[in-house]
Amino acid sequence: MPRDRFLSSLGIAKKAGKIIAGSNMVASYIRNDNIPALVILSCDASGNTRKLVHDVCRYRNVTLEDTEYSMDALANAIGALHPVSCVAITDTGLANMLREKLLANVSQGGMTADGRF
């Protein structure tokens, strides 16, 4: 089965060192006057995590994408050992590429709960 292009691109961004993973790390990064190009939120993040990320992104005017990818799918894509509910992309070019791939995946008919098509 072919690997999802969005998740593959997320792995490339991780290798390039342009990712901040975890809701608390992302919130701290944004609160310290750093503005990421894109924040990605998993579909199974808790209500408190959702509120935290939505509020901090809204306050700092950061682009936020709620995805259909699970925490496990995001973690596997970036090589994390534990589930990851939120990922911030710090590079504008990589963020634009990821946003395009995310929109292309959605337009092709959606995905399953574990992030597969």
N, C-alpha and C. Protein backbone atom coordinates (compact mmCIF):
# COMPACT_ATOMS: atom_id res chain seq x y z
N MET A 1 0.84 -1.18 0.00
CA MET A 1 0.00 0.00 0.00
C MET A 1 0.89 1.25 0.00
N PRO A 2 0.62 2.22 -0.88
CA PRO A 2 1.45 3.41 -0.93
C PRO A 2 1.27 4.26 0.32
N ARG A 3 2.35 4.89 0.72
CA ARG A 3 2.33 5.73 1.91
C ARG A 3 1.65 7.05 1.58
N ASP A 4 0.96 7.59 2.55
CA ASP A 4 0.27 8.86 2.40
C ASP A 4 1.28 9.99 2.15
N ARG A 5 1.03 10.81 1.16
CA ARG A 5 1.98 11.86 0.79
C ARG A 5 2.08 12.95 1.85
N PHE A 6 0.97 13.26 2.50
CA PHE A 6 1.02 14.26 3.56
C PHE A 6 1.91 13.79 4.71
N LEU A 7 1.73 12.55 5.14
CA LEU A 7 2.52 12.02 6.23
C LEU A 7 3.99 11.89 5.84
N SER A 8 4.26 11.52 4.61
CA SER A 8 5.64 11.45 4.13
C SER A 8 6.30 12.83 4.17
N SER A 9 5.56 13.83 3.73
CA SER A 9 6.08 15.20 3.74
C SER A 9 6.29 15.71 5.16
N LEU A 10 5.45 15.27 6.07
CA LEU A 10 5.63 15.63 7.48
C LEU A 10 6.93 15.04 8.01
N GLY A 11 7.25 13.83 7.59
CA GLY A 11 8.51 13.21 7.96
C GLY A 11 9.71 13.97 7.40
N ILE A 12 9.58 14.48 6.19
CA ILE A 12 10.66 15.29 5.59
C ILE A 12 10.86 16.56 6.39
N ALA A 13 9.76 17.20 6.80
CA ALA A 13 9.87 18.42 7.61
C ALA A 13 10.55 18.13 8.94
N LYS A 14 10.29 16.97 9.51
CA LYS A 14 10.94 16.58 10.77
C LYS A 14 12.44 16.41 10.56
N LYS A 15 12.81 15.74 9.48
CA LYS A 15 14.23 15.54 9.20
C LYS A 15 14.94 16.87 8.95
N ALA A 16 14.22 17.84 8.42
CA ALA A 16 14.79 19.17 8.16
C ALA A 16 14.87 20.01 9.44
N GLY A 17 14.28 19.51 10.53
CA GLY A 17 14.32 20.25 11.79
C GLY A 17 13.34 21.40 11.84
N LYS A 18 12.26 21.34 11.09
CA LYS A 18 11.30 22.43 11.01
C LYS A 18 9.98 22.11 11.70
N ILE A 19 10.00 21.18 12.66
CA ILE A 19 8.78 20.77 13.36
C ILE A 19 8.94 20.93 14.86
N ILE A 20 7.85 21.36 15.49
CA ILE A 20 7.73 21.35 16.94
C ILE A 20 6.55 20.45 17.25
N ALA A 21 6.76 19.43 18.07
CA ALA A 21 5.72 18.43 18.32
C ALA A 21 5.23 18.50 19.76
N GLY A 22 3.92 18.31 19.92
CA GLY A 22 3.31 18.31 21.24
C GLY A 22 2.58 19.61 21.52
N SER A 23 1.41 19.51 22.10
CA SER A 23 0.59 20.71 22.32
C SER A 23 1.24 21.71 23.26
N ASN A 24 1.86 21.25 24.33
CA ASN A 24 2.49 22.17 25.26
C ASN A 24 3.71 22.85 24.64
N MET A 25 4.48 22.10 23.87
CA MET A 25 5.65 22.69 23.20
C MET A 25 5.21 23.72 22.15
N VAL A 26 4.16 23.41 21.41
CA VAL A 26 3.65 24.33 20.39
C VAL A 26 3.10 25.59 21.06
N ALA A 27 2.32 25.43 22.13
CA ALA A 27 1.76 26.59 22.83
C ALA A 27 2.87 27.47 23.41
N SER A 28 3.89 26.86 24.00
CA SER A 28 5.01 27.63 24.54
C SER A 28 5.77 28.36 23.43
N TYR A 29 5.96 27.70 22.32
CA TYR A 29 6.65 28.31 21.18
C TYR A 29 5.90 29.55 20.71
N ILE A 30 4.58 29.44 20.59
CA ILE A 30 3.76 30.57 20.12
C ILE A 30 3.70 31.67 21.17
N ARG A 31 3.58 31.31 22.43
CA ARG A 31 3.51 32.32 23.49
C ARG A 31 4.81 33.12 23.61
N ASN A 32 5.93 32.54 23.19
CA ASN A 32 7.22 33.23 23.24
C ASN A 32 7.46 34.07 22.00
N ASP A 33 6.38 34.53 21.38
CA ASP A 33 6.41 35.43 20.21
C ASP A 33 7.05 34.82 18.98
N ASN A 34 7.03 33.51 18.87
CA ASN A 34 7.43 32.83 17.64
C ASN A 34 6.16 32.44 16.90
N ILE A 35 6.11 32.73 15.62
CA ILE A 35 4.91 32.44 14.85
C ILE A 35 5.22 31.34 13.84
N PRO A 36 4.69 30.13 14.07
CA PRO A 36 4.90 29.07 13.09
C PRO A 36 4.06 29.33 11.84
N ALA A 37 4.46 28.75 10.73
CA ALA A 37 3.73 28.93 9.49
C ALA A 37 2.42 28.14 9.47
N LEU A 38 2.38 27.03 10.21
CA LEU A 38 1.20 26.16 10.20
C LEU A 38 1.20 25.32 11.47
N VAL A 39 0.00 25.12 12.03
CA VAL A 39 -0.18 24.21 13.16
C VAL A 39 -1.18 23.14 12.72
N ILE A 40 -0.84 21.88 12.96
CA ILE A 40 -1.67 20.75 12.58
C ILE A 40 -2.16 20.07 13.85
N LEU A 41 -3.47 19.84 13.94
CA LEU A 41 -4.08 19.24 15.12
C LEU A 41 -4.71 17.91 14.73
N SER A 42 -4.48 16.88 15.55
CA SER A 42 -5.02 15.55 15.26
C SER A 42 -6.52 15.50 15.52
N CYS A 43 -7.15 14.49 14.96
CA CYS A 43 -8.61 14.36 15.11
C CYS A 43 -9.01 13.85 16.49
N ASP A 44 -8.09 13.16 17.17
CA ASP A 44 -8.44 12.58 18.46
C ASP A 44 -7.77 13.29 19.64
N ALA A 45 -7.42 14.55 19.45
CA ALA A 45 -6.88 15.35 20.56
C ALA A 45 -7.99 15.59 21.57
N SER A 46 -7.63 15.69 22.84
CA SER A 46 -8.63 15.89 23.88
C SER A 46 -9.25 17.29 23.78
N GLY A 47 -10.35 17.47 24.45
CA GLY A 47 -11.04 18.76 24.45
C GLY A 47 -10.17 19.87 25.00
N ASN A 48 -9.45 19.60 26.08
CA ASN A 48 -8.56 20.61 26.67
C ASN A 48 -7.43 20.97 25.71
N THR A 49 -6.87 19.97 25.06
CA THR A 49 -5.79 20.23 24.10
C THR A 49 -6.31 21.04 22.93
N ARG A 50 -7.48 20.67 22.43
CA ARG A 50 -8.10 21.42 21.33
C ARG A 50 -8.30 22.88 21.70
N LYS A 51 -8.83 23.11 22.89
CA LYS A 51 -9.08 24.47 23.34
C LYS A 51 -7.78 25.25 23.47
N LEU A 52 -6.76 24.63 24.07
CA LEU A 52 -5.46 25.28 24.24
C LEU A 52 -4.89 25.71 22.89
N VAL A 53 -4.85 24.78 21.95
CA VAL A 53 -4.25 25.06 20.65
C VAL A 53 -5.08 26.07 19.86
N HIS A 54 -6.39 25.91 19.86
CA HIS A 54 -7.25 26.85 19.14
C HIS A 54 -7.10 28.26 19.72
N ASP A 55 -7.10 28.39 21.03
CA ASP A 55 -7.01 29.70 21.67
C ASP A 55 -5.69 30.39 21.37
N VAL A 56 -4.58 29.67 21.52
CA VAL A 56 -3.27 30.30 21.31
C VAL A 56 -3.09 30.65 19.83
N CYS A 57 -3.59 29.83 18.92
CA CYS A 57 -3.48 30.13 17.49
C CYS A 57 -4.36 31.31 17.11
N ARG A 58 -5.55 31.36 17.67
CA ARG A 58 -6.45 32.48 17.38
C ARG A 58 -5.86 33.79 17.90
N TYR A 59 -5.30 33.77 19.10
CA TYR A 59 -4.74 34.97 19.72
C TYR A 59 -3.55 35.50 18.93
N ARG A 60 -2.70 34.62 18.43
CA ARG A 60 -1.50 35.03 17.69
C ARG A 60 -1.70 35.01 16.17
N ASN A 61 -2.92 34.74 15.72
CA ASN A 61 -3.26 34.73 14.30
C ASN A 61 -2.38 33.73 13.52
N VAL A 62 -2.34 32.50 14.01
CA VAL A 62 -1.57 31.43 13.39
C VAL A 62 -2.53 30.51 12.63
N THR A 63 -2.11 30.08 11.44
CA THR A 63 -2.93 29.17 10.64
C THR A 63 -2.99 27.80 11.33
N LEU A 64 -4.22 27.31 11.52
CA LEU A 64 -4.45 26.02 12.18
C LEU A 64 -5.26 25.12 11.27
N GLU A 65 -4.80 23.89 11.11
CA GLU A 65 -5.52 22.89 10.33
C GLU A 65 -5.95 21.75 11.25
N ASP A 66 -7.26 21.56 11.39
CA ASP A 66 -7.79 20.38 12.07
C ASP A 66 -7.80 19.27 11.03
N THR A 67 -7.14 18.16 11.31
CA THR A 67 -7.03 17.09 10.32
C THR A 67 -7.83 15.86 10.75
N GLU A 68 -7.91 14.92 9.85
CA GLU A 68 -8.53 13.63 10.13
C GLU A 68 -7.49 12.59 10.55
N TYR A 69 -6.25 13.03 10.76
CA TYR A 69 -5.19 12.11 11.15
C TYR A 69 -5.21 11.90 12.66
N SER A 70 -4.96 10.68 13.08
CA SER A 70 -4.92 10.36 14.51
C SER A 70 -3.58 10.78 15.11
N MET A 71 -3.52 10.79 16.43
CA MET A 71 -2.28 11.10 17.13
C MET A 71 -1.19 10.08 16.77
N ASP A 72 -1.59 8.82 16.66
CA ASP A 72 -0.62 7.77 16.30
C ASP A 72 -0.08 7.96 14.88
N ALA A 73 -0.94 8.36 13.95
CA ALA A 73 -0.49 8.58 12.57
C ALA A 73 0.51 9.73 12.51
N LEU A 74 0.24 10.82 13.23
CA LEU A 74 1.19 11.94 13.26
C LEU A 74 2.50 11.53 13.91
N ALA A 75 2.41 10.77 15.01
CA ALA A 75 3.62 10.32 15.71
C ALA A 75 4.46 9.41 14.81
N ASN A 76 3.83 8.49 14.12
CA ASN A 76 4.56 7.59 13.22
C ASN A 76 5.24 8.37 12.09
N ALA A 77 4.58 9.41 11.60
CA ALA A 77 5.13 10.19 10.50
C ALA A 77 6.40 10.92 10.90
N ILE A 78 6.46 11.38 12.14
CA ILE A 78 7.64 12.15 12.57
C ILE A 78 8.61 11.32 13.41
N GLY A 79 8.30 10.05 13.60
CA GLY A 79 9.20 9.17 14.33
C GLY A 79 9.15 9.34 15.84
N ALA A 80 8.04 9.82 16.35
CA ALA A 80 7.89 10.00 17.80
C ALA A 80 7.52 8.67 18.45
N LEU A 81 7.94 8.48 19.68
CA LEU A 81 7.65 7.25 20.40
C LEU A 81 6.28 7.25 21.05
N HIS A 82 5.74 8.43 21.32
CA HIS A 82 4.44 8.57 21.97
C HIS A 82 3.48 9.32 21.05
N PRO A 83 2.18 9.17 21.23
CA PRO A 83 1.22 9.88 20.40
C PRO A 83 1.43 11.40 20.45
N VAL A 84 1.22 12.03 19.31
CA VAL A 84 1.41 13.48 19.17
C VAL A 84 0.10 14.10 18.72
N SER A 85 -0.44 15.00 19.54
CA SER A 85 -1.74 15.60 19.21
C SER A 85 -1.62 16.86 18.36
N CYS A 86 -0.45 17.48 18.36
CA CYS A 86 -0.30 18.76 17.69
C CYS A 86 1.13 18.90 17.15
N VAL A 87 1.24 19.46 15.96
CA VAL A 87 2.54 19.67 15.33
C VAL A 87 2.55 21.07 14.73
N ALA A 88 3.64 21.81 14.94
CA ALA A 88 3.81 23.13 14.33
C ALA A 88 4.92 23.04 13.29
N ILE A 89 4.71 23.66 12.14
CA ILE A 89 5.69 23.73 11.08
C ILE A 89 6.25 25.15 11.07
N THR A 90 7.57 25.28 11.19
CA THR A 90 8.17 26.61 11.30
C THR A 90 8.61 27.20 9.98
N ASP A 91 8.70 26.41 8.94
CA ASP A 91 9.15 26.88 7.63
C ASP A 91 7.95 27.13 6.72
N THR A 92 7.91 28.31 6.10
CA THR A 92 6.78 28.70 5.27
C THR A 92 6.64 27.81 4.03
N GLY A 93 7.74 27.51 3.36
CA GLY A 93 7.70 26.67 2.17
C GLY A 93 7.19 25.27 2.46
N LEU A 94 7.69 24.67 3.53
CA LEU A 94 7.22 23.34 3.92
C LEU A 94 5.75 23.38 4.35
N ALA A 95 5.36 24.45 5.03
CA ALA A 95 3.97 24.58 5.46
C ALA A 95 3.03 24.68 4.26
N ASN A 96 3.42 25.42 3.24
CA ASN A 96 2.59 25.53 2.04
C ASN A 96 2.48 24.19 1.33
N MET A 97 3.59 23.45 1.25
CA MET A 97 3.58 22.12 0.63
C MET A 97 2.66 21.18 1.40
N LEU A 98 2.76 21.19 2.73
CA LEU A 98 1.93 20.32 3.55
C LEU A 98 0.45 20.68 3.42
N ARG A 99 0.15 21.96 3.38
CA ARG A 99 -1.25 22.40 3.25
C ARG A 99 -1.82 21.94 1.91
N GLU A 100 -1.03 22.04 0.84
CA GLU A 100 -1.47 21.57 -0.48
C GLU A 100 -1.74 20.07 -0.47
N LYS A 101 -0.85 19.30 0.13
CA LYS A 101 -1.02 17.84 0.18
C LYS A 101 -2.22 17.46 1.05
N LEU A 102 -2.44 18.21 2.12
CA LEU A 102 -3.58 17.95 2.98
C LEU A 102 -4.88 18.21 2.23
N LEU A 103 -4.95 19.31 1.49
CA LEU A 103 -6.15 19.61 0.71
C LEU A 103 -6.35 18.60 -0.41
N ALA A 104 -5.26 18.12 -1.02
CA ALA A 104 -5.36 17.12 -2.07
C ALA A 104 -5.90 15.80 -1.51
N ASN A 105 -5.45 15.43 -0.31
CA ASN A 105 -5.94 14.20 0.33
C ASN A 105 -7.42 14.28 0.63
N VAL A 106 -7.86 15.42 1.12
CA VAL A 106 -9.27 15.59 1.47
C VAL A 106 -10.13 15.56 0.22
N SER A 107 -9.66 16.17 -0.88
CA SER A 107 -10.45 16.20 -2.11
C SER A 107 -10.54 14.84 -2.79
N GLN A 108 -9.64 13.91 -2.43
CA GLN A 108 -9.66 12.58 -3.03
C GLN A 108 -10.61 11.63 -2.32
N GLY A 109 -11.28 12.09 -1.29
CA GLY A 109 -12.30 11.24 -0.70
C GLY A 109 -12.13 10.91 0.75
N GLY A 110 -11.21 11.51 1.43
CA GLY A 110 -11.11 11.29 2.87
C GLY A 110 -10.19 10.15 3.24
N MET A 111 -10.16 9.85 4.53
CA MET A 111 -9.26 8.84 5.06
C MET A 111 -9.92 8.11 6.22
N THR A 112 -9.28 7.06 6.65
CA THR A 112 -9.79 6.30 7.77
C THR A 112 -9.33 6.92 9.09
N ALA A 113 -9.80 6.40 10.19
CA ALA A 113 -9.49 6.97 11.51
C ALA A 113 -8.02 6.89 11.86
N ASP A 114 -7.29 5.93 11.28
CA ASP A 114 -5.86 5.84 11.61
C ASP A 114 -4.98 6.60 10.62
N GLY A 115 -5.58 7.44 9.78
CA GLY A 115 -4.81 8.28 8.88
C GLY A 115 -4.50 7.64 7.55
N ARG A 116 -5.18 6.57 7.19
CA ARG A 116 -4.93 5.90 5.91
C ARG A 116 -6.12 6.10 4.97
N PHE A 117 -5.83 6.00 3.72
CA PHE A 117 -6.88 6.16 2.69
C PHE A 117 -7.37 4.83 2.20
